[in-house]
Protein backbone atom coordinates (compact mmCIF):
# COMPACT_ATOMS: atom_id res chain seq x y z
CA UNK A 1 -0.01 0.07 0.08
CA UNK A 2 1.27 3.57 -1.00
CA UNK A 3 1.29 6.01 1.97
CA UNK A 4 -1.13 8.73 1.24
CA UNK A 5 -1.09 11.95 3.25
CA UNK A 6 -4.39 12.14 5.09
CA UNK A 7 -5.20 15.53 3.52
CA UNK A 8 -8.62 17.34 3.52
CA UNK A 9 -9.57 19.96 1.26
CA UNK A 10 -12.60 21.52 3.20
CA UNK A 11 -12.62 25.39 2.94
CA UNK A 12 -16.19 25.59 3.99
CA UNK A 13 -16.08 23.15 6.78
CA UNK A 14 -14.33 23.92 9.69
CA UNK A 15 -14.44 20.34 10.99
CA UNK A 16 -12.65 18.88 7.86
CA UNK A 17 -10.18 21.95 7.65
CA UNK A 18 -8.96 21.61 11.18
CA UNK A 19 -9.47 17.79 11.07
CA UNK A 20 -6.79 15.83 12.77
CA UNK A 21 -6.78 13.81 9.74
CA UNK A 22 -5.24 16.48 7.66
CA UNK A 23 -1.44 16.27 6.72
CA UNK A 24 -1.29 19.96 6.84
CA UNK A 25 -2.50 19.93 10.31
CA UNK A 26 -0.82 17.05 11.84
CA UNK A 27 0.70 14.78 9.39
CA UNK A 28 -0.60 11.46 9.89
CA UNK A 29 -0.41 9.00 7.05
CA UNK A 30 -2.26 5.64 6.44
CA UNK A 31 -0.58 2.59 7.42
CA UNK A 32 1.57 4.46 9.87
CA UNK A 33 2.07 2.75 13.63
CA UNK A 34 0.86 4.20 16.50
CA UNK A 35 4.33 5.78 17.47
CA UNK A 36 4.35 7.51 13.90
CA UNK A 37 1.19 8.82 13.84
CA UNK A 38 2.06 10.23 17.66
CA UNK A 39 5.37 11.73 16.47
CA UNK A 40 3.81 13.27 13.08
CA UNK A 41 1.25 14.94 15.26
CA UNK A 42 3.65 16.13 17.57
CA UNK A 43 1.90 14.50 20.69
CA UNK A 44 -1.63 15.41 19.82
CA UNK A 45 -2.63 11.79 18.81
CA UNK A 46 -1.41 10.35 22.32
CA UNK A 47 -0.40 6.49 21.66
CA UNK A 48 -2.84 4.29 24.13
CA UNK A 49 -1.21 1.22 22.54
CA UNK A 50 1.82 0.56 20.92
CA UNK A 51 1.37 -3.10 19.29
CA UNK A 52 -0.14 -3.42 16.36
CA UNK A 53 -2.98 -6.32 16.40
CA UNK A 54 -1.98 -9.74 14.96
CA UNK A 55 -3.01 -10.24 11.10
CA UNK A 56 -6.76 -11.27 10.61
CA UNK A 57 -7.83 -9.09 13.73
CA UNK A 58 -10.03 -6.36 13.87
CA UNK A 59 -8.35 -2.64 13.71
CA UNK A 60 -8.04 -1.22 17.22
CA UNK A 61 -7.77 1.98 19.19
CA UNK A 62 -4.01 2.79 19.53
CA UNK A 63 -3.96 6.79 19.82
CA UNK A 64 -6.56 9.42 21.00
CA UNK A 65 -7.23 13.14 21.08
CA UNK A 66 -9.81 15.99 21.40
CA UNK A 67 -9.89 19.25 19.69
CA UNK A 68 -12.51 21.82 19.44
CA UNK A 69 -13.85 23.61 16.31
CA UNK A 70 -16.74 26.42 15.81
CA UNK A 71 -18.66 23.36 14.96
CA UNK A 72 -18.23 21.21 17.95
CA UNK A 73 -15.73 19.66 20.17
CA UNK A 74 -14.62 16.12 18.88
CA UNK A 75 -13.14 13.12 20.54
CA UNK A 76 -10.78 11.49 17.92
CA UNK A 77 -9.88 8.04 17.62
CA UNK A 78 -7.20 6.36 15.57
CA UNK A 79 -7.83 2.56 14.74
CA UNK A 80 -4.83 0.61 13.46
CA UNK A 81 -4.80 -3.20 12.12
CA UNK A 82 -1.42 -5.09 11.45
CA UNK A 83 -0.43 -3.14 8.65
CA UNK A 84 -0.91 0.30 10.55
CA UNK A 85 -3.63 3.16 10.52
CA UNK A 86 -6.74 2.55 8.73
CA UNK A 87 -9.54 4.58 10.29
CA UNK A 88 -10.06 7.65 12.24
CA UNK A 89 -13.08 8.52 14.14
CA UNK A 90 -14.21 12.02 14.62
CA UNK A 91 -17.13 12.00 17.52
CA UNK A 92 -18.83 15.38 17.81
CA UNK A 93 -20.97 16.26 20.32
CA UNK A 94 -24.55 14.40 19.25
CA UNK A 95 -26.35 17.98 19.33
CA UNK A 96 -23.79 19.32 16.93
CA UNK A 97 -24.30 16.23 14.30
CA UNK A 98 -26.85 18.21 11.60
CA UNK A 99 -24.29 21.09 11.97
CA UNK A 100 -21.40 18.42 10.65
CA UNK A 101 -23.29 16.96 8.14
CA UNK A 102 -24.38 19.98 6.70
CA UNK A 103 -20.80 21.21 6.59
CA UNK A 104 -19.91 18.03 4.65
CA UNK A 105 -22.83 18.35 2.40
CA UNK A 106 -21.74 22.13 1.79
CA UNK A 107 -18.20 21.00 0.74
CA UNK A 108 -18.76 17.65 -1.24
CA UNK A 109 -22.19 17.94 -2.25
CA UNK A 110 -25.03 15.56 -1.84
CA UNK A 111 -23.31 11.94 -0.52
CA UNK A 112 -22.39 9.22 -3.23
CA UNK A 113 -23.97 6.83 -0.92
CA UNK A 114 -26.86 6.86 1.35
CA UNK A 115 -28.45 4.27 3.66
CA UNK A 116 -30.86 4.45 6.17
CA UNK A 117 -32.34 2.10 8.99
CA UNK A 118 -34.81 2.28 11.72
CA UNK A 119 -32.58 4.35 13.92
CA UNK A 120 -29.36 4.92 11.75
CA UNK A 121 -28.48 6.85 8.77
CA UNK A 122 -25.08 6.74 6.99
CA UNK A 123 -23.97 9.26 4.26
CA UNK A 124 -20.92 8.76 2.45
CA UNK A 125 -18.55 11.13 0.16
CA UNK A 126 -15.31 10.22 -1.41
CA UNK A 127 -12.43 12.54 -1.53
CA UNK A 128 -10.64 11.16 -4.45
CA UNK A 129 -7.91 13.81 -4.60
CA UNK A 130 -6.90 13.25 -0.86
CA UNK A 131 -7.47 9.11 -0.99
CA UNK A 132 -10.26 9.47 2.04
CA UNK A 133 -13.42 7.84 2.24
CA UNK A 134 -15.43 9.67 4.51
CA UNK A 135 -18.72 8.18 6.27
CA UNK A 136 -21.05 9.85 8.58
CA UNK A 137 -23.17 7.79 11.14
CA UNK A 138 -26.05 9.62 12.56
CA UNK A 139 -28.87 7.69 14.92
CA UNK A 140 -31.55 9.08 17.19
CA UNK A 141 -29.58 6.92 19.87
CA UNK A 142 -27.07 9.63 20.41
CA UNK A 143 -24.71 8.35 17.80
CA UNK A 144 -22.58 10.52 15.63
CA UNK A 145 -19.26 9.38 14.03
CA UNK A 146 -17.49 10.51 11.12
CA UNK A 147 -15.25 7.74 9.65
CA UNK A 148 -11.96 8.48 7.72
CA UNK A 149 -10.81 5.48 5.54
CA UNK A 150 -8.44 5.07 2.79
CA UNK A 151 -10.57 5.52 -0.31
CA UNK A 152 -7.53 3.33 -2.20
CA UNK A 153 -8.15 0.47 0.22
CA UNK A 154 -11.84 0.61 0.04
CA UNK A 155 -11.95 0.50 -3.78
CA UNK A 156 -9.23 -2.32 -3.81
CA UNK A 157 -11.45 -4.46 -0.76
CA UNK A 158 -14.93 -3.63 -3.36
CA UNK A 159 -13.09 -4.77 -6.53
CA UNK A 160 -12.13 -7.93 -5.16
CA UNK A 161 -15.39 -8.43 -3.43
CA UNK A 162 -17.00 -7.98 -6.91
CA UNK A 163 -14.51 -10.18 -8.52
CA UNK A 164 -15.31 -13.03 -5.92
CA UNK A 165 -19.05 -12.63 -6.56
CA UNK A 166 -18.85 -12.90 -10.06
CA UNK A 167 -17.08 -15.90 -9.90
């Protein structure tokens, strides 16, 4: 996997422009170890676990941070698998979720994917320029989380799944 800076271009939405996943803001890259994330963020993303999970295990929380923007106060969680950084979660205060959603819509337009279930709504955007898949999960059960993933990794998984379904 080639390393990509987690850069986000979001001039309208403060949450995205000040995102802890922004390379210009803290330098994290997909595939980094927890130690590398902490070093690249100059201590912002405090390491909570040094070892990477074994291959075949689910990604686990390895760095944690908090930040404030005009939209909300956020908890930030960095998840790693055996290959390194795989996911970043931004968790705003629940009451601010609609504003966070509107910020992403004003920046990226309507989501490319939308799923609505009984209590959960998922919105997804692809930021191809910066190799990010962004998913906002919002529910009436006090859940609001923005997930950032490597778009190229996601695309490879979907292509592999489509190939196995066709065979």
